[in-house]
Structure formats: structure tokens, C-alpha cells
Amino acid sequence: MIRQSLILAAILVCCCSKAPAADPISPPLYVFENGLGFGNVHDEAAALKQLGYAGIAQVQASGKRLSQRIAACDQHGLRVLSVYLNVNDQAIAEDAIKPLANRDAIIELTVQRMTPRTIEAVRQTAEMASQHGLKVALYPHHGLAVATMPQAMDLIKKVDHPNLGVMFNLCHFLRGQEASELERTLEEAGDRLFSVSVCGADTDGKGWGDLIQTLDQGDFPQQRLLKQLREQNFQGPVSLQCYAIPGDKRVNLQRSINAWKSLSSER
């Protein structure tokens, strides 16, 4: 009897040791608002919920329209992650972001031109956002005053506010920097890396048609990016860039979420 009990205990220990907790299928993925446009805000929220997205990012709206987008997402258990705004010589107005106050959201901030007041305007925006429970992430955008990650990090140092970080955008990175600089660029961002956007892309692409595709297309090795983010223990949100991708938007979103689930479950 004792021998049988010992055997049973050994079997239980063995089974438990071989059954580690499973990794989640994938980290949550948000979709840029530019990937929508196939219905009203409620139709779009319902579709994103069904497809498996976590919510909407880079909403280009404020006031009533932003509130409507938030309400639709709330109804379907989704989140509005971020708004997309620009700052030059004046700080962002509080009214533009109030609907997102205390929702753990992000202001994605472009800088079209650098003026003598830009640094102070960005600092004031970061401080105002902190009072409303939002983060501010500089959005390096090709062709603007802050076009690359190094330029964004330089501005972050000058502003010197803990609520200011940067968003890594794969398409703009490939447009403005060498692909070989990926790991070093992300490492230098460090804990100021607040968010990331992904998309299918051709590593040596020159135009947006090459650099912004559904996530199942392009020759850029997405696992290279994900591996670096894991090594840095990046815990921030990831969003899907969809600007000007041709074809049916719903089909595009389905293809990208399928690819994301596959990519992010690989180790």
C-alpha cells in the first residue's frame, strides 16, 4: 500500500512538472483608426471585437467625435488607446484630450516644425497630460521636424519630463534609418519606449506602399522586432499601422490579426 502511494505521488509530481502555464496566444493588438472606415463607430467596434483586436489607436479626433468613439468601444469591451495630435509652438489644449482622461491612454505627438517655443510646448503638454492620467509619446514621422527615433530621444532629453516618451513606428523607422540600427535604436529608447506600431513591410522599401502592408506581407523579419522587445521586457501596447493599404479593410484586418497571433506566439 505504501509502495502504491509513493508511485502515485511520483506520477503526480511528474505530471505537474511537465505542464507549465501556457503562454497567451498573443499580446493584445490595437488597430490604427486609419484601418477602419467601413461603418459607423458601433459597427467598427463590433467588428474589431469579433476579430480579436483590443481596441483602436491613433484616433484623429477630439471633443464630441472622440467621445463617440470611446462610447462605442466601451460598449463592446474595447479600449481607445491613443489620440494623434501635433504640437509646434503651443501646448495641446486640455479640451482635446479630456474624453480620455484617466483611461490609461496616450497622446501620440508629432512635431511638424521646430520653433523656439517647441521644447516648452512639449513640456507643457507632458505636464498637462500627467494631470489627466495620460502619457505623451513623441511620434517620429518621416518628413517632419522629429522624423527619426534619435531626433525624438534628443527632444526628450531637452524637455526632461518623466511623462514624455517615444513611440517606435516600424514604417517610419525603415523610411528614415537603416534596418541594421533596429536593436540599438530600441535599446537607446529604453524605458522611454511607451508604445510600438507594426505592419508588414519590405526592409528596403522606399514608398509607403512598400513600408505599410498587412502583417502577413513584406520581407521584414517581424520576429526580429518582437525578439528585441521581449529582451527589453517591453510591456507597452502594440498597434497596427494601416495607412493607405489597398483592398477590403475587414479582410486586411483579418489577415493582420491572424499573422499577429502566429508571430507573437512563437518563441
Protein backbone atom coordinates (compact mmCIF):
# COMPACT_ATOMS: atom_id res chain seq x y z
CA MET A 1 0.00 0.00 0.00
CA ILE A 2 2.84 2.36 0.91
CA ARG A 3 4.64 1.45 -2.31
CA GLN A 4 1.49 2.25 -4.37
CA SER A 5 1.13 5.63 -2.63
CA LEU A 6 4.74 6.50 -3.43
CA ILE A 7 4.26 5.58 -7.08
CA LEU A 8 1.10 7.70 -7.29
CA ALA A 9 2.87 10.67 -5.71
CA ALA A 10 5.73 10.34 -8.18
CA ILE A 11 3.31 10.29 -11.09
CA LEU A 12 1.58 13.45 -9.83
CA VAL A 13 4.89 15.29 -9.42
CA CYS A 14 5.97 14.25 -12.90
CA CYS A 15 2.71 15.37 -14.50
CA CYS A 16 2.79 18.71 -12.76
CA SER A 17 6.38 19.37 -13.77
CA LYS A 18 5.52 18.76 -17.42
CA ALA A 19 2.57 21.14 -17.52
CA PRO A 20 3.87 24.72 -17.19
CA ALA A 21 1.42 27.56 -17.58
CA ALA A 22 0.76 28.19 -21.25
CA ASP A 23 1.82 31.45 -22.83
CA PRO A 24 -1.03 33.65 -24.03
CA ILE A 25 -1.89 33.26 -27.71
CA SER A 26 -0.60 36.77 -28.32
CA PRO A 27 -0.20 40.15 -26.66
CA PRO A 28 -3.19 42.41 -27.34
CA LEU A 29 -3.07 44.27 -30.64
CA TYR A 30 -4.72 47.62 -31.31
CA VAL A 31 -5.51 48.97 -34.75
CA PHE A 32 -4.90 52.49 -36.03
CA GLU A 33 -8.09 54.35 -36.87
CA ASN A 34 -6.82 54.63 -40.45
CA GLY A 35 -7.54 50.91 -40.81
CA LEU A 36 -11.26 51.50 -40.29
CA GLY A 37 -13.87 53.31 -42.38
CA PHE A 38 -16.32 50.50 -43.13
CA GLY A 39 -19.27 51.52 -40.96
CA ASN A 40 -20.35 53.71 -38.07
CA VAL A 41 -18.38 53.69 -34.82
CA HIS A 42 -20.53 50.90 -33.35
CA ASP A 43 -20.26 48.69 -36.44
CA GLU A 44 -16.49 49.10 -36.44
CA ALA A 45 -16.17 48.38 -32.72
CA ALA A 46 -18.27 45.24 -33.08
CA ALA A 47 -16.12 44.06 -35.99
CA LEU A 48 -12.87 44.65 -34.10
CA LYS A 49 -14.19 42.76 -31.09
CA GLN A 50 -15.14 39.81 -33.28
CA LEU A 51 -11.74 39.81 -34.99
CA GLY A 52 -9.88 39.85 -31.68
CA TYR A 53 -8.37 43.34 -31.53
CA ALA A 54 -8.00 45.08 -28.17
CA GLY A 55 -9.20 48.45 -29.39
CA ILE A 56 -8.40 51.48 -31.51
CA ALA A 57 -5.25 53.61 -31.58
CA GLN A 58 -4.25 56.89 -33.18
CA VAL A 59 -7.75 58.35 -33.21
CA GLN A 60 -7.61 61.61 -35.14
CA ALA A 61 -10.45 63.35 -33.35
CA SER A 62 -11.23 65.37 -30.27
CA GLY A 63 -14.31 66.56 -28.42
CA LYS A 64 -17.65 65.02 -29.38
CA ARG A 65 -16.29 62.71 -32.10
CA LEU A 66 -13.66 61.31 -29.75
CA SER A 67 -16.32 60.78 -27.06
CA GLN A 68 -18.46 58.86 -29.56
CA ARG A 69 -15.55 56.60 -30.46
CA ILE A 70 -14.86 55.95 -26.76
CA ALA A 71 -18.51 55.17 -26.02
CA ALA A 72 -18.70 52.66 -28.88
CA CYS A 73 -15.52 50.93 -27.71
CA ASP A 74 -16.74 50.84 -24.11
CA GLN A 75 -19.95 49.16 -25.24
CA HIS A 76 -18.01 46.35 -26.90
CA GLY A 77 -15.35 45.93 -24.22
CA LEU A 78 -12.61 47.63 -26.25
CA ARG A 79 -10.24 50.46 -25.44
CA VAL A 80 -9.35 53.69 -27.19
CA LEU A 81 -5.61 53.61 -26.71
CA SER A 82 -4.42 56.90 -28.17
CA VAL A 83 -5.09 60.14 -29.99
CA TYR A 84 -2.90 61.60 -32.71
CA LEU A 85 -2.05 65.29 -32.30
CA ASN A 86 0.60 67.79 -33.38
CA VAL A 87 2.50 70.38 -31.38
CA ASN A 88 4.74 73.21 -32.59
CA ASP A 89 4.83 76.39 -30.55
CA GLN A 90 1.73 75.89 -28.39
CA ALA A 91 0.85 73.12 -25.95
CA ILE A 92 -2.05 70.80 -26.69
CA ALA A 93 -5.32 72.17 -25.32
CA GLU A 94 -6.90 70.28 -22.42
CA ASP A 95 -10.25 70.09 -24.20
CA ALA A 96 -8.69 67.99 -26.95
CA ILE A 97 -7.89 65.11 -24.62
CA LYS A 98 -10.42 65.38 -21.77
CA PRO A 99 -12.61 62.48 -23.00
CA LEU A 100 -9.59 60.18 -22.48
CA ALA A 101 -8.71 61.46 -19.01
CA ASN A 102 -7.81 58.72 -16.52
CA ARG A 103 -8.18 55.95 -19.12
CA ASP A 104 -4.50 54.97 -19.26
CA ALA A 105 -4.32 56.41 -22.77
CA ILE A 106 -1.53 58.00 -24.80
CA ILE A 107 -1.14 61.22 -26.76
CA GLU A 108 0.86 60.37 -29.88
CA LEU A 109 2.59 63.64 -30.62
CA THR A 110 4.10 64.75 -33.91
CA VAL A 111 6.31 67.82 -34.29
CA GLN A 112 5.90 69.31 -37.76
CA ARG A 113 8.35 72.15 -37.28
CA MET A 114 10.80 73.11 -34.56
CA THR A 115 10.34 76.64 -33.24
CA PRO A 116 11.94 78.44 -30.29
CA ARG A 117 8.88 77.54 -28.22
CA THR A 118 8.63 73.87 -29.19
CA ILE A 119 10.53 72.46 -26.23
CA GLU A 120 8.41 74.37 -23.74
CA ALA A 121 5.20 73.49 -25.61
CA VAL A 122 6.06 69.79 -25.44
CA ARG A 123 6.95 70.11 -21.74
CA GLN A 124 3.64 71.82 -21.00
CA THR A 125 1.78 69.13 -22.94
CA ALA A 126 3.52 66.38 -20.97
CA GLU A 127 2.68 68.06 -17.68
CA MET A 128 -0.95 68.70 -18.64
CA ALA A 129 -1.32 65.09 -19.76
CA SER A 130 0.10 63.77 -16.49
CA GLN A 131 -2.57 65.69 -14.59
CA HIS A 132 -5.21 63.85 -16.62
CA GLY A 133 -3.65 60.41 -16.31
CA LEU A 134 -2.31 60.24 -19.87
CA LYS A 135 1.17 59.62 -21.26
CA VAL A 136 2.76 61.53 -24.14
CA ALA A 137 4.77 59.65 -26.77
CA LEU A 138 6.62 61.51 -29.49
CA TYR A 139 5.72 60.04 -32.87
CA PRO A 140 8.70 60.23 -35.25
CA HIS A 141 7.22 60.88 -38.69
CA HIS A 142 9.17 60.96 -41.94
CA GLY A 143 9.38 64.47 -43.38
CA LEU A 144 8.61 66.31 -40.12
CA ALA A 145 10.93 68.10 -37.69
CA VAL A 146 11.03 64.98 -35.49
CA ALA A 147 11.40 62.29 -38.14
CA THR A 148 13.59 59.63 -36.52
CA MET A 149 13.97 57.90 -33.17
CA PRO A 150 17.31 59.65 -32.42
CA GLN A 151 15.65 63.03 -33.05
CA ALA A 152 12.83 62.07 -30.69
CA MET A 153 15.27 60.97 -27.99
CA ASP A 154 17.17 64.24 -28.36
CA LEU A 155 13.96 66.21 -27.80
CA ILE A 156 13.04 64.00 -24.82
CA LYS A 157 16.38 64.88 -23.19
CA LYS A 158 15.83 68.59 -23.79
CA VAL A 159 12.28 68.56 -22.44
CA ASP A 160 13.31 66.45 -19.43
CA HIS A 161 9.84 65.43 -18.23
CA PRO A 162 9.12 61.91 -16.88
CA ASN A 163 5.77 61.77 -18.68
CA LEU A 164 7.35 62.13 -22.14
CA GLY A 165 8.44 59.09 -24.12
CA VAL A 166 8.57 57.86 -27.69
CA MET A 167 6.59 55.56 -29.97
CA PHE A 168 8.52 53.24 -32.27
CA ASN A 169 6.87 53.02 -35.69
CA LEU A 170 8.30 50.36 -37.96
CA CYS A 171 7.35 52.05 -41.24
CA HIS A 172 8.88 55.41 -40.29
CA PHE A 173 11.94 53.71 -38.83
CA LEU A 174 12.61 51.87 -42.10
CA ARG A 175 11.99 55.07 -44.07
CA GLY A 176 14.42 57.17 -42.06
CA GLN A 177 17.03 54.82 -40.61
CA GLU A 178 19.00 51.73 -41.58
CA ALA A 179 17.35 48.41 -40.70
CA SER A 180 20.64 47.34 -39.11
CA GLU A 181 20.09 50.00 -36.43
CA LEU A 182 16.91 48.37 -35.07
CA GLU A 183 18.24 46.79 -31.88
CA ARG A 184 20.46 49.72 -30.94
CA THR A 185 17.62 52.18 -31.56
CA LEU A 186 15.21 50.31 -29.30
CA GLU A 187 17.85 49.82 -26.60
CA GLU A 188 18.61 53.55 -26.58
CA ALA A 189 14.91 54.32 -26.13
CA GLY A 190 14.94 52.14 -23.00
CA ASP A 191 12.18 52.89 -20.54
CA ARG A 192 11.09 55.89 -22.63
CA LEU A 193 9.69 53.46 -25.19
CA PHE A 194 6.00 53.91 -24.42
CA SER A 195 4.43 52.13 -27.41
CA VAL A 196 5.12 50.39 -30.72
CA SER A 197 3.40 50.17 -34.09
CA VAL A 198 3.87 47.30 -36.53
CA CYS A 199 2.90 46.47 -40.10
CA GLY A 200 4.06 44.27 -42.92
CA ALA A 201 6.97 45.95 -44.69
CA ASP A 202 9.75 45.44 -47.22
CA THR A 203 13.06 46.06 -45.50
CA ASP A 204 14.46 48.11 -48.39
CA GLY A 205 11.15 49.71 -49.31
CA LYS A 206 11.15 53.33 -50.40
CA GLY A 207 7.47 54.32 -50.51
CA TRP A 208 4.55 53.79 -48.14
CA GLY A 209 3.14 51.07 -50.38
CA ASP A 210 6.26 49.02 -49.63
CA LEU A 211 6.56 50.03 -45.99
CA ILE A 212 2.91 49.68 -44.91
CA GLN A 213 1.30 46.35 -45.76
CA THR A 214 -0.87 43.80 -43.98
CA LEU A 215 1.14 42.00 -41.35
CA ASP A 216 1.32 38.78 -43.37
CA GLN A 217 3.19 40.51 -46.20
CA GLY A 218 6.60 42.08 -46.72
CA ASP A 219 10.06 40.65 -46.18
CA PHE A 220 10.93 42.45 -42.94
CA PRO A 221 11.52 39.76 -40.26
CA GLN A 222 8.88 40.64 -37.69
CA GLN A 223 10.33 38.15 -35.20
CA ARG A 224 13.46 40.26 -35.07
CA LEU A 225 11.45 43.18 -33.71
CA LEU A 226 9.45 41.03 -31.30
CA LYS A 227 12.58 39.32 -30.02
CA GLN A 228 14.18 42.66 -29.18
CA LEU A 229 11.02 43.85 -27.41
CA ARG A 230 10.94 40.67 -25.33
CA GLU A 231 14.62 41.02 -24.43
CA GLN A 232 13.92 44.56 -23.21
CA ASN A 233 10.89 43.29 -21.29
CA PHE A 234 8.72 45.78 -23.14
CA GLN A 235 5.27 45.82 -21.54
CA GLY A 236 3.65 48.62 -23.51
CA PRO A 237 0.92 48.46 -26.15
CA VAL A 238 1.39 47.42 -29.77
CA SER A 239 -0.71 48.85 -32.60
CA LEU A 240 -1.22 48.04 -36.26
CA GLN A 241 -0.45 50.72 -38.86
CA CYS A 242 -2.86 50.54 -41.80
CA TYR A 243 -2.35 53.76 -43.76
CA ALA A 244 -3.46 53.51 -47.41
CA ILE A 245 -3.35 49.71 -47.59
CA PRO A 246 -5.41 48.74 -50.63
CA GLY A 247 -8.20 46.18 -50.60
CA ASP A 248 -11.14 45.36 -48.36
CA LYS A 249 -10.46 46.78 -44.89
CA ARG A 250 -12.15 43.95 -43.00
CA VAL A 251 -10.20 41.34 -44.95
CA ASN A 252 -6.98 43.26 -44.30
CA LEU A 253 -7.68 43.34 -40.58
CA GLN A 254 -8.42 39.62 -40.51
CA ARG A 255 -5.17 38.83 -42.31
CA SER A 256 -3.14 41.00 -39.95
CA ILE A 257 -4.65 39.67 -36.71
CA ASN A 258 -4.09 36.10 -37.91
CA ALA A 259 -0.45 36.91 -38.65
CA TRP A 260 -0.05 38.64 -35.28
CA LYS A 261 -1.36 35.65 -33.35
CA SER A 262 1.05 33.39 -35.19
CA LEU A 263 4.06 35.71 -34.81
CA SER A 264 3.61 36.61 -31.17
CA SER A 265 3.05 33.02 -30.04
CA GLU A 266 6.40 31.94 -31.50
CA ARG A 267 9.48 31.90 -29.30
